[in-house]
Amino acid sequence: MANTPSAKKATRKIAHRTEVNRARRARTRTYLRAVEDAIVAGDAVAAQTALAIAAPELARAAQKGVVHRNVAARKISRLTKSVRKLGG
């Protein structure tokens, strides 16, 4: 248990950042799922639209430290490749 005022404040800050990061990660996953669902359905237009929304969101998550920047780059690259393969 935190004893000093600074440790108590640090605990509060960590709890707040955890909530923010959890929400950001969930939002990112939602956008990624939309792209993946469109790819599986074979809908090139929907996949391209979803990717245009998901890529900046994933880059923002990497910038904020929610995911590693290489993970974000890899996911964007692989999704872009899959969308291009659909013909979109």
C-alpha atoms as a PDB file:
ATOM      1  CA  MET A   1       0.000   0.000   0.000  1.00  0.00           C
ATOM      2  CA  ALA A   2       1.253   3.471  -0.850  1.00  0.00           C
ATOM      3  CA  ASN A   3       2.236   5.511   2.192  1.00  0.00           C
ATOM      4  CA  THR A   4       3.643   8.797   0.937  1.00  0.00           C
ATOM      5  CA  PRO A   5       1.473  11.415  -0.760  1.00  0.00           C
ATOM      6  CA  SER A   6       3.538  11.166  -3.926  1.00  0.00           C
ATOM      7  CA  ALA A   7       3.078   7.382  -4.035  1.00  0.00           C
ATOM      8  CA  LYS A   8      -0.670   7.783  -3.539  1.00  0.00           C
ATOM      9  CA  LYS A   9      -0.817  10.285  -6.376  1.00  0.00           C
ATOM     10  CA  ALA A  10       1.238   7.960  -8.592  1.00  0.00           C
ATOM     11  CA  THR A  11      -1.262   5.179  -7.887  1.00  0.00           C
ATOM     12  CA  ARG A  12      -4.150   7.454  -8.916  1.00  0.00           C
ATOM     13  CA  LYS A  13      -2.334   8.485 -12.097  1.00  0.00           C
ATOM     14  CA  ILE A  14      -1.563   4.877 -13.014  1.00  0.00           C
ATOM     15  CA  ALA A  15      -5.208   3.898 -12.545  1.00  0.00           C
ATOM     16  CA  HIS A  16      -6.348   6.758 -14.772  1.00  0.00           C
ATOM     17  CA  ARG A  17      -3.799   5.993 -17.504  1.00  0.00           C
ATOM     18  CA  THR A  18      -4.782   2.312 -17.372  1.00  0.00           C
ATOM     19  CA  GLU A  19      -8.404   3.236 -18.104  1.00  0.00           C
ATOM     20  CA  VAL A  20      -7.424   5.566 -20.941  1.00  0.00           C
ATOM     21  CA  ASN A  21      -5.111   2.971 -22.478  1.00  0.00           C
ATOM     22  CA  ARG A  22      -7.726   0.226 -22.125  1.00  0.00           C
ATOM     23  CA  ALA A  23     -10.291   2.371 -23.952  1.00  0.00           C
ATOM     24  CA  ARG A  24      -7.808   3.286 -26.683  1.00  0.00           C
ATOM     25  CA  ARG A  25      -6.795  -0.359 -27.167  1.00  0.00           C
ATOM     26  CA  ALA A  26     -10.448  -1.432 -27.373  1.00  0.00           C
ATOM     27  CA  ARG A  27     -11.228   1.278 -29.935  1.00  0.00           C
ATOM     28  CA  THR A  28      -8.223   0.227 -32.015  1.00  0.00           C
ATOM     29  CA  ARG A  29      -9.285  -3.419 -31.909  1.00  0.00           C
ATOM     30  CA  THR A  30     -12.795  -2.453 -33.026  1.00  0.00           C
ATOM     31  CA  TYR A  31     -11.459  -0.660 -36.104  1.00  0.00           C
ATOM     32  CA  LEU A  32      -9.104  -3.543 -36.908  1.00  0.00           C
ATOM     33  CA  ARG A  33     -11.968  -6.013 -36.610  1.00  0.00           C
ATOM     34  CA  ALA A  34     -14.002  -3.966 -39.090  1.00  0.00           C
ATOM     35  CA  VAL A  35     -11.183  -4.193 -41.647  1.00  0.00           C
ATOM     36  CA  GLU A  36     -10.700  -7.918 -41.073  1.00  0.00           C
ATOM     37  CA  ASP A  37     -14.439  -8.605 -41.364  1.00  0.00           C
ATOM     38  CA  ALA A  38     -14.610  -6.698 -44.654  1.00  0.00           C
ATOM     39  CA  ILE A  39     -11.613  -8.656 -45.976  1.00  0.00           C
ATOM     40  CA  VAL A  40     -13.208 -11.979 -45.012  1.00  0.00           C
ATOM     41  CA  ALA A  41     -16.477 -10.911 -46.635  1.00  0.00           C
ATOM     42  CA  GLY A  42     -14.573 -10.011 -49.796  1.00  0.00           C
ATOM     43  CA  ASP A  43     -15.925  -6.456 -49.877  1.00  0.00           C
ATOM     44  CA  ALA A  44     -13.061  -4.409 -51.330  1.00  0.00           C
ATOM     45  CA  VAL A  45     -14.755  -1.003 -50.991  1.00  0.00           C
ATOM     46  CA  ALA A  46     -15.734  -1.564 -47.360  1.00  0.00           C
ATOM     47  CA  ALA A  47     -12.278  -2.940 -46.578  1.00  0.00           C
ATOM     48  CA  GLN A  48     -10.558   0.090 -48.080  1.00  0.00           C
ATOM     49  CA  THR A  49     -12.865   2.483 -46.224  1.00  0.00           C
ATOM     50  CA  ALA A  50     -12.335   0.640 -42.936  1.00  0.00           C
ATOM     51  CA  LEU A  51      -8.570   0.594 -43.476  1.00  0.00           C
ATOM     52  CA  ALA A  52      -8.540   4.347 -44.077  1.00  0.00           C
ATOM     53  CA  ILE A  53     -10.133   4.763 -40.650  1.00  0.00           C
ATOM     54  CA  ALA A  54      -8.148   2.039 -38.862  1.00  0.00           C
ATOM     55  CA  ALA A  55      -4.628   2.965 -40.000  1.00  0.00           C
ATOM     56  CA  PRO A  56      -4.507   6.418 -38.350  1.00  0.00           C
ATOM     57  CA  GLU A  57      -6.134   5.012 -35.223  1.00  0.00           C
ATOM     58  CA  LEU A  58      -3.475   2.307 -35.013  1.00  0.00           C
ATOM     59  CA  ALA A  59      -0.704   4.840 -35.623  1.00  0.00           C
ATOM     60  CA  ARG A  60      -2.140   7.027 -32.866  1.00  0.00           C
ATOM     61  CA  ALA A  61      -2.191   4.058 -30.476  1.00  0.00           C
ATOM     62  CA  ALA A  62       1.482   3.468 -31.269  1.00  0.00           C
ATOM     63  CA  GLN A  63       2.285   7.134 -30.741  1.00  0.00           C
ATOM     64  CA  LYS A  64       0.560   7.060 -27.348  1.00  0.00           C
ATOM     65  CA  GLY A  65       2.429   3.899 -26.353  1.00  0.00           C
ATOM     66  CA  VAL A  66      -0.564   1.564 -26.264  1.00  0.00           C
ATOM     67  CA  VAL A  67       1.046  -0.735 -28.847  1.00  0.00           C
ATOM     68  CA  HIS A  68       4.655  -0.867 -30.009  1.00  0.00           C
ATOM     69  CA  ARG A  69       5.325   1.151 -33.145  1.00  0.00           C
ATOM     70  CA  ASN A  70       6.676  -1.877 -34.996  1.00  0.00           C
ATOM     71  CA  VAL A  71       3.512  -3.823 -34.178  1.00  0.00           C
ATOM     72  CA  ALA A  72       1.401  -0.979 -35.543  1.00  0.00           C
ATOM     73  CA  ALA A  73       3.505  -0.723 -38.702  1.00  0.00           C
ATOM     74  CA  ARG A  74       3.338  -4.482 -39.229  1.00  0.00           C
ATOM     75  CA  LYS A  75      -0.440  -4.607 -38.803  1.00  0.00           C
ATOM     76  CA  ILE A  76      -1.011  -1.652 -41.116  1.00  0.00           C
ATOM     77  CA  SER A  77       1.295  -3.213 -43.706  1.00  0.00           C
ATOM     78  CA  ARG A  78      -0.378  -6.619 -43.587  1.00  0.00           C
ATOM     79  CA  LEU A  79      -3.889  -5.185 -43.689  1.00  0.00           C
ATOM     80  CA  THR A  80      -2.963  -2.928 -46.624  1.00  0.00           C
ATOM     81  CA  LYS A  81      -1.532  -5.919 -48.462  1.00  0.00           C
ATOM     82  CA  SER A  82      -4.731  -7.928 -47.841  1.00  0.00           C
ATOM     83  CA  VAL A  83      -6.953  -5.063 -49.003  1.00  0.00           C
ATOM     84  CA  ARG A  84      -4.877  -4.603 -52.159  1.00  0.00           C
ATOM     85  CA  LYS A  85      -5.166  -8.330 -52.857  1.00  0.00           C
ATOM     86  CA  LEU A  86      -8.977  -7.908 -52.874  1.00  0.00           C
ATOM     87  CA  GLY A  87      -8.587  -5.410 -55.678  1.00  0.00           C
ATOM     88  CA  GLY A  88      -9.426  -2.376 -53.618  1.00  0.00           C
END
